[in-house]
């Protein structure tokens, strides 16, 4: 029974977990921002809050740009991991290229 669960159930449950993990990499920045603002630590979150309050648009755009890059990198890592771990995704990509 344990082998069945490990082989079939957990393998299929790994795909959504990796997908959510890709989004969570980007949300680390916002979670750190909340802690920085609450305990008044200097960091990216505090810098963004000060930039918004002082209407420093270039700094706000830079911070949003960094957040977008983190989201793209997180999704790229998740896609690469999914392609490595699930052969069905690799086959779908190969079939899509050939069609």
PDB file of N, CA and C in Angstrom:
ATOM      1  N   UNK A   1       0.824  -1.189   0.000  1.00  0.00           N
ATOM      2  CA  UNK A   1       0.000   0.000   0.000  1.00  0.00           C
ATOM      3  C   UNK A   1       0.871   1.257   0.000  1.00  0.00           C
ATOM      4  N   UNK A   2       1.957   1.218   0.758  1.00  0.00           N
ATOM      5  CA  UNK A   2       2.840   2.379   0.827  1.00  0.00           C
ATOM      6  C   UNK A   2       3.497   2.652  -0.526  1.00  0.00           C
ATOM      7  N   UNK A   3       3.872   1.591  -1.223  1.00  0.00           N
ATOM      8  CA  UNK A   3       4.480   1.751  -2.545  1.00  0.00           C
ATOM      9  C   UNK A   3       3.488   2.341  -3.545  1.00  0.00           C
ATOM     10  N   UNK A   4       2.241   1.927  -3.445  1.00  0.00           N
ATOM     11  CA  UNK A   4       1.214   2.448  -4.348  1.00  0.00           C
ATOM     12  C   UNK A   4       1.013   3.938  -4.116  1.00  0.00           C
ATOM     13  N   UNK A   5       0.956   4.331  -2.859  1.00  0.00           N
ATOM     14  CA  UNK A   5       0.780   5.752  -2.541  1.00  0.00           C
ATOM     15  C   UNK A   5       1.973   6.556  -3.039  1.00  0.00           C
ATOM     16  N   UNK A   6       3.177   6.068  -2.783  1.00  0.00           N
ATOM     17  CA  UNK A   6       4.367   6.800  -3.216  1.00  0.00           C
ATOM     18  C   UNK A   6       4.472   6.876  -4.734  1.00  0.00           C
ATOM     19  N   UNK A   7       4.147   5.785  -5.398  1.00  0.00           N
ATOM     20  CA  UNK A   7       4.340   5.741  -6.848  1.00  0.00           C
ATOM     21  C   UNK A   7       3.245   6.484  -7.609  1.00  0.00           C
ATOM     22  N   UNK A   8       1.999   6.343  -7.187  1.00  0.00           N
ATOM     23  CA  UNK A   8       0.895   6.888  -7.967  1.00  0.00           C
ATOM     24  C   UNK A   8       0.350   8.198  -7.399  1.00  0.00           C
ATOM     25  N   UNK A   9       0.057   8.232  -6.126  1.00  0.00           N
ATOM     26  CA  UNK A   9      -0.594   9.416  -5.566  1.00  0.00           C
ATOM     27  C   UNK A   9       0.369  10.591  -5.441  1.00  0.00           C
ATOM     28  N   UNK A  10       1.526  10.366  -4.876  1.00  0.00           N
ATOM     29  CA  UNK A  10       2.447  11.477  -4.674  1.00  0.00           C
ATOM     30  C   UNK A  10       3.041  11.989  -5.981  1.00  0.00           C
ATOM     31  N   UNK A  11       3.221  11.120  -6.936  1.00  0.00           N
ATOM     32  CA  UNK A  11       3.742  11.568  -8.233  1.00  0.00           C
ATOM     33  C   UNK A  11       2.755  12.528  -8.900  1.00  0.00           C
ATOM     34  N   UNK A  12       1.465  12.223  -8.811  1.00  0.00           N
ATOM     35  CA  UNK A  12       0.458  13.101  -9.400  1.00  0.00           C
ATOM     36  C   UNK A  12       0.225  14.351  -8.563  1.00  0.00           C
ATOM     37  N   UNK A  13       0.473  14.268  -7.273  1.00  0.00           N
ATOM     38  CA  UNK A  13       0.302  15.436  -6.414  1.00  0.00           C
ATOM     39  C   UNK A  13       1.482  16.391  -6.504  1.00  0.00           C
ATOM     40  N   UNK A  14       2.568  15.970  -7.102  1.00  0.00           N
ATOM     41  CA  UNK A  14       3.760  16.805  -7.190  1.00  0.00           C
ATOM     42  C   UNK A  14       3.600  17.951  -8.185  1.00  0.00           C
ATOM     43  N   UNK A  15       2.836  17.763  -9.248  1.00  0.00           N
ATOM     44  CA  UNK A  15       2.675  18.808 -10.263  1.00  0.00           C
ATOM     45  C   UNK A  15       2.059  20.097  -9.718  1.00  0.00           C
ATOM     46  N   UNK A  16       0.920  20.053  -9.018  1.00  0.00           N
ATOM     47  CA  UNK A  16       0.382  21.304  -8.480  1.00  0.00           C
ATOM     48  C   UNK A  16       1.279  21.914  -7.408  1.00  0.00           C
ATOM     49  N   UNK A  17       1.966  21.068  -6.656  1.00  0.00           N
ATOM     50  CA  UNK A  17       2.870  21.571  -5.621  1.00  0.00           C
ATOM     51  C   UNK A  17       4.004  22.386  -6.239  1.00  0.00           C
ATOM     52  N   UNK A  18       4.590  21.890  -7.305  1.00  0.00           N
ATOM     53  CA  UNK A  18       5.689  22.603  -7.963  1.00  0.00           C
ATOM     54  C   UNK A  18       5.177  23.892  -8.599  1.00  0.00           C
ATOM     55  N   UNK A  19       3.975  23.867  -9.155  1.00  0.00           N
ATOM     56  CA  UNK A  19       3.403  25.067  -9.757  1.00  0.00           C
ATOM     57  C   UNK A  19       3.208  26.158  -8.714  1.00  0.00           C
ATOM     58  N   UNK A  20       2.655  25.804  -7.572  1.00  0.00           N
ATOM     59  CA  UNK A  20       2.457  26.778  -6.498  1.00  0.00           C
ATOM     60  C   UNK A  20       3.797  27.264  -5.967  1.00  0.00           C
ATOM     61  N   UNK A  21       4.783  26.389  -5.916  1.00  0.00           N
ATOM     62  CA  UNK A  21       6.111  26.768  -5.444  1.00  0.00           C
ATOM     63  C   UNK A  21       6.720  27.845  -6.333  1.00  0.00           C
ATOM     64  N   UNK A  22       6.468  27.783  -7.627  1.00  0.00           N
ATOM     65  CA  UNK A  22       6.964  28.813  -8.537  1.00  0.00           C
ATOM     66  C   UNK A  22       6.394  30.182  -8.217  1.00  0.00           C
ATOM     67  N   UNK A  23       5.112  30.243  -7.867  1.00  0.00           N
ATOM     68  CA  UNK A  23       4.510  31.518  -7.494  1.00  0.00           C
ATOM     69  C   UNK A  23       4.989  31.979  -6.120  1.00  0.00           C
ATOM     70  N   UNK A  24       5.264  31.047  -5.237  1.00  0.00           N
ATOM     71  CA  UNK A  24       5.701  31.406  -3.895  1.00  0.00           C
ATOM     72  C   UNK A  24       7.089  32.042  -3.885  1.00  0.00           C
ATOM     73  N   UNK A  25       7.924  31.711  -4.854  1.00  0.00           N
ATOM     74  CA  UNK A  25       9.244  32.338  -4.928  1.00  0.00           C
ATOM     75  C   UNK A  25       9.084  33.843  -5.089  1.00  0.00           C
ATOM     76  N   UNK A  26       8.140  34.254  -5.917  1.00  0.00           N
ATOM     77  CA  UNK A  26       7.902  35.681  -6.116  1.00  0.00           C
ATOM     78  C   UNK A  26       7.244  36.318  -4.896  1.00  0.00           C
ATOM     79  N   UNK A  27       6.426  35.579  -4.184  1.00  0.00           N
ATOM     80  CA  UNK A  27       5.747  36.162  -3.030  1.00  0.00           C
ATOM     81  C   UNK A  27       6.661  36.300  -1.820  1.00  0.00           C
ATOM     82  N   UNK A  28       7.848  35.739  -1.888  1.00  0.00           N
ATOM     83  CA  UNK A  28       8.799  35.938  -0.795  1.00  0.00           C
ATOM     84  C   UNK A  28       9.117  37.417  -0.609  1.00  0.00           C
ATOM     85  N   UNK A  29       9.151  38.156  -1.697  1.00  0.00           N
ATOM     86  CA  UNK A  29       9.429  39.587  -1.626  1.00  0.00           C
ATOM     87  C   UNK A  29       8.335  40.316  -0.861  1.00  0.00           C
ATOM     88  N   UNK A  30       7.076  40.003  -1.125  1.00  0.00           N
ATOM     89  CA  UNK A  30       5.990  40.687  -0.431  1.00  0.00           C
ATOM     90  C   UNK A  30       5.909  40.258   1.034  1.00  0.00           C
ATOM     91  N   UNK A  31       6.205  39.004   1.320  1.00  0.00           N
ATOM     92  CA  UNK A  31       6.221  38.558   2.713  1.00  0.00           C
ATOM     93  C   UNK A  31       7.325  39.223   3.507  1.00  0.00           C
ATOM     94  N   UNK A  32       8.478  39.388   2.881  1.00  0.00           N
ATOM     95  CA  UNK A  32       9.584  40.081   3.536  1.00  0.00           C
ATOM     96  C   UNK A  32       9.230  41.547   3.748  1.00  0.00           C
ATOM     97  N   UNK A  33       8.506  42.133   2.802  1.00  0.00           N
ATOM     98  CA  UNK A  33       8.117  43.536   2.922  1.00  0.00           C
ATOM     99  C   UNK A  33       7.221  43.741   4.139  1.00  0.00           C
ATOM    100  N   UNK A  34       6.297  42.831   4.361  1.00  0.00           N
ATOM    101  CA  UNK A  34       5.394  42.946   5.507  1.00  0.00           C
ATOM    102  C   UNK A  34       6.167  42.898   6.824  1.00  0.00           C
ATOM    103  N   UNK A  35       7.093  41.970   6.947  1.00  0.00           N
ATOM    104  CA  UNK A  35       7.903  41.860   8.166  1.00  0.00           C
ATOM    105  C   UNK A  35       8.775  43.096   8.344  1.00  0.00           C
ATOM    106  N   UNK A  36       9.376  43.578   7.252  1.00  0.00           N
ATOM    107  CA  UNK A  36      10.232  44.759   7.335  1.00  0.00           C
ATOM    108  C   UNK A  36       9.452  45.978   7.807  1.00  0.00           C
ATOM    109  N   UNK A  37       8.231  46.131   7.312  1.00  0.00           N
ATOM    110  CA  UNK A  37       7.427  47.288   7.699  1.00  0.00           C
ATOM    111  C   UNK A  37       6.995  47.174   9.156  1.00  0.00           C
ATOM    112  N   UNK A  38       6.627  45.979   9.602  1.00  0.00           N
ATOM    113  CA  UNK A  38       6.155  45.806  10.977  1.00  0.00           C
ATOM    114  C   UNK A  38       7.278  46.047  11.981  1.00  0.00           C
ATOM    115  N   UNK A  39       8.462  45.469  11.744  1.00  0.00           N
ATOM    116  CA  UNK A  39       9.547  45.589  12.721  1.00  0.00           C
ATOM    117  C   UNK A  39      10.532  46.703  12.378  1.00  0.00           C
ATOM    118  N   UNK A  40      10.231  47.480  11.320  1.00  0.00           N
ATOM    119  CA  UNK A  40      11.023  48.645  10.935  1.00  0.00           C
ATOM    120  C   UNK A  40      12.468  48.283  10.596  1.00  0.00           C
ATOM    121  N   UNK A  41      12.647  47.200   9.853  1.00  0.00           N
ATOM    122  CA  UNK A  41      13.971  46.823   9.354  1.00  0.00           C
ATOM    123  C   UNK A  41      14.190  47.464   7.993  1.00  0.00           C
ATOM    124  N   UNK A  42      15.398  47.907   7.718  1.00  0.00           N
ATOM    125  CA  UNK A  42      15.647  48.427   6.369  1.00  0.00           C
ATOM    126  C   UNK A  42      15.719  47.275   5.370  1.00  0.00           C
ATOM    127  N   UNK A  43      15.110  47.458   4.245  1.00  0.00           N
ATOM    128  CA  UNK A  43      15.113  46.419   3.221  1.00  0.00           C
ATOM    129  C   UNK A  43      14.279  46.847   2.039  1.00  0.00           C
ATOM    130  N   UNK A  44      14.018  45.914   1.163  1.00  0.00           N
ATOM    131  CA  UNK A  44      13.292  46.210  -0.072  1.00  0.00           C
ATOM    132  C   UNK A  44      11.855  46.660   0.214  1.00  0.00           C
ATOM    133  N   UNK A  45      11.191  46.036   1.158  1.00  0.00           N
ATOM    134  CA  UNK A  45       9.814  46.405   1.477  1.00  0.00           C
ATOM    135  C   UNK A  45       9.709  47.798   2.055  1.00  0.00           C
ATOM    136  N   UNK A  46      10.606  48.120   2.967  1.00  0.00           N
ATOM    137  CA  UNK A  46      10.610  49.452   3.560  1.00  0.00           C
ATOM    138  C   UNK A  46      10.966  50.506   2.511  1.00  0.00           C
ATOM    139  N   UNK A  47      11.885  50.157   1.621  1.00  0.00           N
ATOM    140  CA  UNK A  47      12.270  51.062   0.542  1.00  0.00           C
ATOM    141  C   UNK A  47      11.079  51.343  -0.373  1.00  0.00           C
ATOM    142  N   UNK A  48      10.317  50.303  -0.697  1.00  0.00           N
ATOM    143  CA  UNK A  48       9.145  50.486  -1.555  1.00  0.00           C
ATOM    144  C   UNK A  48       8.064  51.313  -0.857  1.00  0.00           C
ATOM    145  N   UNK A  49       7.860  51.086   0.427  1.00  0.00           N
ATOM    146  CA  UNK A  49       6.870  51.864   1.167  1.00  0.00           C
ATOM    147  C   UNK A  49       7.258  53.333   1.191  1.00  0.00           C
ATOM    148  N   UNK A  50       8.516  53.619   1.474  1.00  0.00           N
ATOM    149  CA  UNK A  50       8.983  55.007   1.472  1.00  0.00           C
ATOM    150  C   UNK A  50       8.860  55.630   0.086  1.00  0.00           C
ATOM    151  N   UNK A  51       9.130  54.846  -0.953  1.00  0.00           N
ATOM    152  CA  UNK A  51       9.029  55.361  -2.320  1.00  0.00           C
ATOM    153  C   UNK A  51       7.581  55.696  -2.676  1.00  0.00           C
ATOM    154  N   UNK A  52       6.648  54.863  -2.250  1.00  0.00           N
ATOM    155  CA  UNK A  52       5.235  55.135  -2.531  1.00  0.00           C
ATOM    156  C   UNK A  52       4.774  56.364  -1.765  1.00  0.00           C
ATOM    157  N   UNK A  53       5.157  56.463  -0.502  1.00  0.00           N
ATOM    158  CA  UNK A  53       4.728  57.602   0.306  1.00  0.00           C
ATOM    159  C   UNK A  53       5.333  58.916  -0.171  1.00  0.00           C
ATOM    160  N   UNK A  54       6.560  58.869  -0.686  1.00  0.00           N
ATOM    161  CA  UNK A  54       7.198  60.094  -1.182  1.00  0.00           C
ATOM    162  C   UNK A  54       6.973  60.291  -2.683  1.00  0.00           C
ATOM    163  N   UNK A  55       6.190  59.429  -3.298  1.00  0.00           N
ATOM    164  CA  UNK A  55       5.835  59.484  -4.719  1.00  0.00           C
ATOM    165  C   UNK A  55       7.064  59.467  -5.622  1.00  0.00           C
ATOM    166  N   UNK A  56       8.029  58.631  -5.281  1.00  0.00           N
ATOM    167  CA  UNK A  56       9.220  58.435  -6.109  1.00  0.00           C
ATOM    168  C   UNK A  56       8.886  57.351  -7.136  1.00  0.00           C
ATOM    169  N   UNK A  57       8.382  57.787  -8.283  1.00  0.00           N
ATOM    170  CA  UNK A  57       7.844  56.849  -9.262  1.00  0.00           C
ATOM    171  C   UNK A  57       8.908  55.947  -9.859  1.00  0.00           C
ATOM    172  N   UNK A  58      10.119  56.453 -10.037  1.00  0.00           N
ATOM    173  CA  UNK A  58      11.170  55.624 -10.625  1.00  0.00           C
ATOM    174  C   UNK A  58      11.554  54.478  -9.694  1.00  0.00           C
ATOM    175  N   UNK A  59      11.598  54.749  -8.412  1.00  0.00           N
ATOM    176  CA  UNK A  59      11.914  53.694  -7.450  1.00  0.00           C
ATOM    177  C   UNK A  59      10.776  52.678  -7.355  1.00  0.00           C
ATOM    178  N   UNK A  60       9.545  53.158  -7.413  1.00  0.00           N
ATOM    179  CA  UNK A  60       8.393  52.251  -7.394  1.00  0.00           C
ATOM    180  C   UNK A  60       8.404  51.358  -8.636  1.00  0.00           C
ATOM    181  N   UNK A  61       8.668  51.951  -9.806  1.00  0.00           N
ATOM    182  CA  UNK A  61       8.729  51.154 -11.035  1.00  0.00           C
ATOM    183  C   UNK A  61       9.860  50.134 -10.971  1.00  0.00           C
ATOM    184  N   UNK A  62      10.996  50.518 -10.397  1.00  0.00           N
ATOM    185  CA  UNK A  62      12.110  49.581 -10.257  1.00  0.00           C
ATOM    186  C   UNK A  62      11.764  48.419  -9.346  1.00  0.00           C
ATOM    187  N   UNK A  63      11.086  48.705  -8.240  1.00  0.00           N
ATOM    188  CA  UNK A  63      10.675  47.645  -7.330  1.00  0.00           C
ATOM    189  C   UNK A  63       9.665  46.700  -7.960  1.00  0.00           C
ATOM    190  N   UNK A  64       8.725  47.246  -8.709  1.00  0.00           N
ATOM    191  CA  UNK A  64       7.754  46.402  -9.410  1.00  0.00           C
ATOM    192  C   UNK A  64       8.429  45.576 -10.494  1.00  0.00           C
ATOM    193  N   UNK A  65       9.429  46.154 -11.132  1.00  0.00           N
ATOM    194  CA  UNK A  65      10.183  45.433 -12.159  1.00  0.00           C
ATOM    195  C   UNK A  65      10.917  44.241 -11.545  1.00  0.00           C
ATOM    196  N   UNK A  66      11.519  44.447 -10.380  1.00  0.00           N
ATOM    197  CA  UNK A  66      12.212  43.353  -9.686  1.00  0.00           C
ATOM    198  C   UNK A  66      11.217  42.263  -9.285  1.00  0.00           C
ATOM    199  N   UNK A  67      10.036  42.667  -8.805  1.00  0.00           N
ATOM    200  CA  UNK A  67       9.012  41.683  -8.462  1.00  0.00           C
ATOM    201  C   UNK A  67       8.547  40.883  -9.666  1.00  0.00           C
ATOM    202  N   UNK A  68       8.401  41.555 -10.812  1.00  0.00           N
ATOM    203  CA  UNK A  68       7.993  40.855 -12.034  1.00  0.00           C
ATOM    204  C   UNK A  68       9.070  39.884 -12.492  1.00  0.00           C
ATOM    205  N   UNK A  69      10.326  40.291 -12.384  1.00  0.00           N
ATOM    206  CA  UNK A  69      11.428  39.397 -12.757  1.00  0.00           C
ATOM    207  C   UNK A  69      11.451  38.174 -11.844  1.00  0.00           C
ATOM    208  N   UNK A  70      11.202  38.380 -10.543  1.00  0.00           N
ATOM    209  CA  UNK A  70      11.166  37.240  -9.625  1.00  0.00           C
ATOM    210  C   UNK A  70      10.024  36.288  -9.973  1.00  0.00           C
ATOM    211  N   UNK A  71       8.881  36.834 -10.391  1.00  0.00           N
ATOM    212  CA  UNK A  71       7.756  35.990 -10.789  1.00  0.00           C
ATOM    213  C   UNK A  71       8.099  35.184 -12.040  1.00  0.00           C
ATOM    214  N   UNK A  72       8.748  35.816 -13.005  1.00  0.00           N
ATOM    215  CA  UNK A  72       9.130  35.118 -14.231  1.00  0.00           C
ATOM    216  C   UNK A  72      10.146  34.024 -13.927  1.00  0.00           C
ATOM    217  N   UNK A  73      11.131  34.332 -13.093  1.00  0.00           N
ATOM    218  CA  UNK A  73      12.149  33.335 -12.742  1.00  0.00           C
ATOM    219  C   UNK A  73      11.521  32.173 -11.973  1.00  0.00           C
ATOM    220  N   UNK A  74      10.606  32.476 -11.045  1.00  0.00           N
ATOM    221  CA  UNK A  74       9.925  31.414 -10.303  1.00  0.00           C
ATOM    222  C   UNK A  74       9.125  30.503 -11.210  1.00  0.00           C
ATOM    223  N   UNK A  75       8.402  31.085 -12.168  1.00  0.00           N
ATOM    224  CA  UNK A  75       7.634  30.265 -13.110  1.00  0.00           C
ATOM    225  C   UNK A  75       8.540  29.473 -14.039  1.00  0.00           C
ATOM    226  N   UNK A  76       9.665  30.054 -14.433  1.00  0.00           N
ATOM    227  CA  UNK A  76      10.610  29.331 -15.284  1.00  0.00           C
ATOM    228  C   UNK A  76      11.185  28.124 -14.550  1.00  0.00           C
ATOM    229  N   UNK A  77      11.556  28.319 -13.289  1.00  0.00           N
ATOM    230  CA  UNK A  77      12.073  27.205 -12.483  1.00  0.00           C
ATOM    231  C   UNK A  77      11.006  26.124 -12.331  1.00  0.00           C
ATOM    232  N   UNK A  78       9.760  26.537 -12.074  1.00  0.00           N
ATOM    233  CA  UNK A  78       8.675  25.559 -11.932  1.00  0.00           C
ATOM    234  C   UNK A  78       8.446  24.799 -13.232  1.00  0.00           C
ATOM    235  N   UNK A  79       8.485  25.488 -14.365  1.00  0.00           N
ATOM    236  CA  UNK A  79       8.291  24.809 -15.653  1.00  0.00           C
ATOM    237  C   UNK A  79       9.408  23.818 -15.937  1.00  0.00           C
ATOM    238  N   UNK A  80      10.634  24.196 -15.632  1.00  0.00           N
ATOM    239  CA  UNK A  80      11.764  23.289 -15.858  1.00  0.00           C
ATOM    240  C   UNK A  80      11.652  22.062 -14.962  1.00  0.00           C
ATOM    241  N   UNK A  81      11.293  22.271 -13.689  1.00  0.00           N
ATOM    242  CA  UNK A  81      11.130  21.133 -12.778  1.00  0.00           C
ATOM    243  C   UNK A  81       9.986  20.222 -13.219  1.00  0.00           C
ATOM    244  N   UNK A  82       8.888  20.809 -13.670  1.00  0.00           N
ATOM    245  CA  UNK A  82       7.770  19.987 -14.139  1.00  0.00           C
ATOM    246  C   UNK A  82       8.160  19.174 -15.363  1.00  0.00           C
ATOM    247  N   UNK A  83       8.914  19.771 -16.266  1.00  0.00           N
ATOM    248  CA  UNK A  83       9.340  19.034 -17.459  1.00  0.00           C
ATOM    249  C   UNK A  83      10.301  17.909 -17.098  1.00  0.00           C
ATOM    250  N   UNK A  84      11.131  18.114 -16.082  1.00  0.00           N
ATOM    251  CA  UNK A  84      12.068  17.069 -15.663  1.00  0.00           C
ATOM    252  C   UNK A  84      11.353  15.921 -14.954  1.00  0.00           C
ATOM    253  N   UNK A  85      10.359  16.249 -14.118  1.00  0.00           N
ATOM    254  CA  UNK A  85       9.737  15.231 -13.277  1.00  0.00           C
ATOM    255  C   UNK A  85       8.573  14.499 -13.935  1.00  0.00           C
ATOM    256  N   UNK A  86       7.893  15.125 -14.879  1.00  0.00           N
ATOM    257  CA  UNK A  86       6.704  14.514 -15.464  1.00  0.00           C
ATOM    258  C   UNK A  86       6.921  14.268 -16.952  1.00  0.00           C
ATOM    259  N   UNK A  87       7.058  13.011 -17.358  1.00  0.00           N
ATOM    260  CA  UNK A  87       7.301  12.728 -18.778  1.00  0.00           C
ATOM    261  C   UNK A  87       6.117  13.086 -19.674  1.00  0.00           C
ATOM    262  N   UNK A  88       4.913  13.176 -19.115  1.00  0.00           N
ATOM    263  CA  UNK A  88       3.754  13.548 -19.937  1.00  0.00           C
ATOM    264  C   UNK A  88       3.885  14.972 -20.462  1.00  0.00           C
ATOM    265  N   UNK A  89       4.465  15.850 -19.662  1.00  0.00           N
ATOM    266  CA  UNK A  89       4.650  17.236 -20.092  1.00  0.00           C
ATOM    267  C   UNK A  89       5.690  17.307 -21.198  1.00  0.00           C
ATOM    268  N   UNK A  90       6.757  16.531 -21.065  1.00  0.00           N
ATOM    269  CA  UNK A  90       7.778  16.503 -22.122  1.00  0.00           C
ATOM    270  C   UNK A  90       7.184  15.988 -23.424  1.00  0.00           C
ATOM    271  N   UNK A  91       6.373  14.952 -23.355  1.00  0.00           N
ATOM    272  CA  UNK A  91       5.781  14.387 -24.566  1.00  0.00           C
ATOM    273  C   UNK A  91       4.814  15.375 -25.210  1.00  0.00           C
ATOM    274  N   UNK A  92       4.081  16.121 -24.394  1.00  0.00           N
ATOM    275  CA  UNK A  92       3.159  17.110 -24.920  1.00  0.00           C
ATOM    276  C   UNK A  92       3.913  18.198 -25.675  1.00  0.00           C
ATOM    277  N   UNK A  93       5.067  18.590 -25.163  1.00  0.00           N
ATOM    278  CA  UNK A  93       5.873  19.609 -25.833  1.00  0.00           C
ATOM    279  C   UNK A  93       6.418  19.088 -27.154  1.00  0.00           C
ATOM    280  N   UNK A  94       6.881  17.847 -27.173  1.00  0.00           N
ATOM    281  CA  UNK A  94       7.421  17.273 -28.405  1.00  0.00           C
ATOM    282  C   UNK A  94       6.317  17.128 -29.445  1.00  0.00           C
ATOM    283  N   UNK A  95       5.141  16.660 -29.024  1.00  0.00           N
ATOM    284  CA  UNK A  95       4.033  16.513 -29.959  1.00  0.00           C
ATOM    285  C   UNK A  95       3.572  17.864 -30.477  1.00  0.00           C
ATOM    286  N   UNK A  96       3.614  18.890 -29.617  1.00  0.00           N
ATOM    287  CA  UNK A  96       3.216  20.229 -30.048  1.00  0.00           C
ATOM    288  C   UNK A  96       4.163  20.802 -31.087  1.00  0.00           C
ATOM    289  N   UNK A  97       5.437  20.484 -30.982  1.00  0.00           N
ATOM    290  CA  UNK A  97       6.414  20.972 -31.948  1.00  0.00           C
ATOM    291  C   UNK A  97       6.242  20.256 -33.278  1.00  0.00           C
ATOM    292  N   UNK A  98       5.940  18.968 -33.231  1.00  0.00           N
ATOM    293  CA  UNK A  98       5.834  18.187 -34.460  1.00  0.00           C
ATOM    294  C   UNK A  98       4.549  18.470 -35.226  1.00  0.00           C
ATOM    295  N   UNK A  99       3.508  18.929 -34.552  1.00  0.00           N
ATOM    296  CA  UNK A  99       2.217  19.159 -35.229  1.00  0.00           C
ATOM    297  C   UNK A  99       2.194  20.459 -35.975  1.00  0.00           C
TER     298      UNK A  99
END
